[in-house]
Amino acid sequence: LARDLGLASGTVARAYRELETAGWVTTARARGTVVTLPPGRPAPAELLLAAATTYLTQARDLGADLETALNAVRAAHDRS
C-alpha cells in the first residue's frame, strides 16, 4: 500500500494503528485488516430503521397509507 500511494511504510503503519485505536478497523493474522464500526456508533440496520420510521411518520402526516408510502419508496428506488 505504501508503495502504491508513494508513502513511507512507517506512515502507512501509523495510519493503520490510528484507525485501529479509533475503532475503524480490526486486524487479525489470518484475516488481515477489516473495516468495523467504531464503538458506540449505531449499526447500519439501526440507522435504516430510524430513517424508515421518520419517513413513515412524514408519510402519515401527509395522509398516505402504508401501501402508498411503500409505492413511493419503490418509485424512488427505480429512479436511482
C-alpha atoms as a PDB file:
ATOM      1  CA  LEU A   1       0.000   0.000   0.000  1.00  0.00           C
ATOM      2  CA  ALA A   2       2.797   2.396   0.896  1.00  0.00           C
ATOM      3  CA  ARG A   3       4.429   1.893  -2.493  1.00  0.00           C
ATOM      4  CA  ASP A   4       1.105   2.292  -4.326  1.00  0.00           C
ATOM      5  CA  LEU A   5       0.435   5.575  -2.532  1.00  0.00           C
ATOM      6  CA  GLY A   6       4.007   6.823  -2.686  1.00  0.00           C
ATOM      7  CA  LEU A   7       4.284   6.973   1.105  1.00  0.00           C
ATOM      8  CA  ALA A   8       6.786   5.716   3.625  1.00  0.00           C
ATOM      9  CA  SER A   9       5.863   2.338   5.093  1.00  0.00           C
ATOM     10  CA  GLY A  10       6.048   3.809   8.605  1.00  0.00           C
ATOM     11  CA  THR A  11       3.416   6.402   7.665  1.00  0.00           C
ATOM     12  CA  VAL A  12       1.022   3.710   6.470  1.00  0.00           C
ATOM     13  CA  ALA A  13       1.688   1.564   9.548  1.00  0.00           C
ATOM     14  CA  ARG A  14       0.977   4.549  11.802  1.00  0.00           C
ATOM     15  CA  ALA A  15      -2.265   5.273   9.921  1.00  0.00           C
ATOM     16  CA  TYR A  16      -3.387   1.657  10.391  1.00  0.00           C
ATOM     17  CA  ARG A  17      -2.585   1.848  14.125  1.00  0.00           C
ATOM     18  CA  GLU A  18      -4.564   5.077  14.465  1.00  0.00           C
ATOM     19  CA  LEU A  19      -7.541   3.587  12.613  1.00  0.00           C
ATOM     20  CA  GLU A  20      -7.407   0.518  14.859  1.00  0.00           C
ATOM     21  CA  THR A  21      -7.161   2.629  18.019  1.00  0.00           C
ATOM     22  CA  ALA A  22     -10.181   4.685  16.909  1.00  0.00           C
ATOM     23  CA  GLY A  23     -12.162   1.502  16.276  1.00  0.00           C
ATOM     24  CA  TRP A  24     -12.477   1.905  12.494  1.00  0.00           C
ATOM     25  CA  VAL A  25     -10.560  -1.290  11.648  1.00  0.00           C
ATOM     26  CA  THR A  26      -9.590  -4.555  13.306  1.00  0.00           C
ATOM     27  CA  THR A  27      -6.533  -6.566  12.436  1.00  0.00           C
ATOM     28  CA  ALA A  28      -6.154 -10.329  12.767  1.00  0.00           C
ATOM     29  CA  ARG A  29      -3.359 -12.516  11.454  1.00  0.00           C
ATOM     30  CA  ALA A  30      -5.413 -14.935   9.372  1.00  0.00           C
ATOM     31  CA  ARG A  31      -7.968 -12.333   8.218  1.00  0.00           C
ATOM     32  CA  GLY A  32      -5.892  -9.215   7.679  1.00  0.00           C
ATOM     33  CA  THR A  33      -7.398  -5.790   8.322  1.00  0.00           C
ATOM     34  CA  VAL A  34     -11.144  -5.243   8.025  1.00  0.00           C
ATOM     35  CA  VAL A  35     -13.284  -2.127   8.424  1.00  0.00           C
ATOM     36  CA  THR A  36     -15.540  -2.102  11.504  1.00  0.00           C
ATOM     37  CA  LEU A  37     -17.935   0.289  13.193  1.00  0.00           C
ATOM     38  CA  PRO A  38     -16.402   2.350  15.986  1.00  0.00           C
ATOM     39  CA  PRO A  39     -17.748   1.628  19.462  1.00  0.00           C
ATOM     40  CA  GLY A  40     -20.972   3.452  20.237  1.00  0.00           C
ATOM     41  CA  ARG A  41     -21.939   4.012  16.607  1.00  0.00           C
ATOM     42  CA  PRO A  42     -25.298   2.518  15.649  1.00  0.00           C
ATOM     43  CA  ALA A  43     -25.283  -0.404  13.241  1.00  0.00           C
ATOM     44  CA  PRO A  44     -26.488   0.317   9.688  1.00  0.00           C
ATOM     45  CA  ALA A  45     -29.696  -1.659  10.319  1.00  0.00           C
ATOM     46  CA  GLU A  46     -30.498   0.621  13.277  1.00  0.00           C
ATOM     47  CA  LEU A  47     -29.861   3.731  11.188  1.00  0.00           C
ATOM     48  CA  LEU A  48     -32.058   2.387   8.399  1.00  0.00           C
ATOM     49  CA  LEU A  49     -34.888   1.647  10.846  1.00  0.00           C
ATOM     50  CA  ALA A  50     -34.664   5.185  12.216  1.00  0.00           C
ATOM     51  CA  ALA A  51     -34.792   6.641   8.693  1.00  0.00           C
ATOM     52  CA  ALA A  52     -37.776   4.432   7.816  1.00  0.00           C
ATOM     53  CA  THR A  53     -39.592   5.488  10.978  1.00  0.00           C
ATOM     54  CA  THR A  54     -39.045   9.151  10.152  1.00  0.00           C
ATOM     55  CA  TYR A  55     -40.241   8.616   6.579  1.00  0.00           C
ATOM     56  CA  LEU A  56     -43.382   6.767   7.654  1.00  0.00           C
ATOM     57  CA  THR A  57     -44.219   9.470  10.180  1.00  0.00           C
ATOM     58  CA  GLN A  58     -43.929  12.117   7.447  1.00  0.00           C
ATOM     59  CA  ALA A  59     -45.955   9.991   5.014  1.00  0.00           C
ATOM     60  CA  ARG A  60     -48.691   9.522   7.627  1.00  0.00           C
ATOM     61  CA  ASP A  61     -48.712  13.288   8.288  1.00  0.00           C
ATOM     62  CA  LEU A  62     -49.321  13.775   4.550  1.00  0.00           C
ATOM     63  CA  GLY A  63     -52.269  11.398   4.713  1.00  0.00           C
ATOM     64  CA  ALA A  64     -50.584   8.463   2.946  1.00  0.00           C
ATOM     65  CA  ASP A  65     -51.409   4.913   3.918  1.00  0.00           C
ATOM     66  CA  LEU A  66     -48.731   2.222   4.132  1.00  0.00           C
ATOM     67  CA  GLU A  67     -49.206   0.980   0.569  1.00  0.00           C
ATOM     68  CA  THR A  68     -48.871   4.498  -0.854  1.00  0.00           C
ATOM     69  CA  ALA A  69     -45.741   5.103   1.222  1.00  0.00           C
ATOM     70  CA  LEU A  70     -44.225   1.809   0.048  1.00  0.00           C
ATOM     71  CA  ASN A  71     -45.071   2.628  -3.567  1.00  0.00           C
ATOM     72  CA  ALA A  72     -43.235   5.939  -3.181  1.00  0.00           C
ATOM     73  CA  VAL A  73     -40.167   4.082  -1.859  1.00  0.00           C
ATOM     74  CA  ARG A  74     -40.332   1.670  -4.816  1.00  0.00           C
ATOM     75  CA  ALA A  75     -40.617   4.575  -7.261  1.00  0.00           C
ATOM     76  CA  ALA A  76     -37.631   6.311  -5.679  1.00  0.00           C
ATOM     77  CA  HIS A  77     -35.667   3.064  -5.843  1.00  0.00           C
ATOM     78  CA  ASP A  78     -36.497   2.620  -9.521  1.00  0.00           C
ATOM     79  CA  ARG A  79     -35.200   6.136 -10.266  1.00  0.00           C
ATOM     80  CA  SER A  80     -31.880   5.586  -8.551  1.00  0.00           C
END
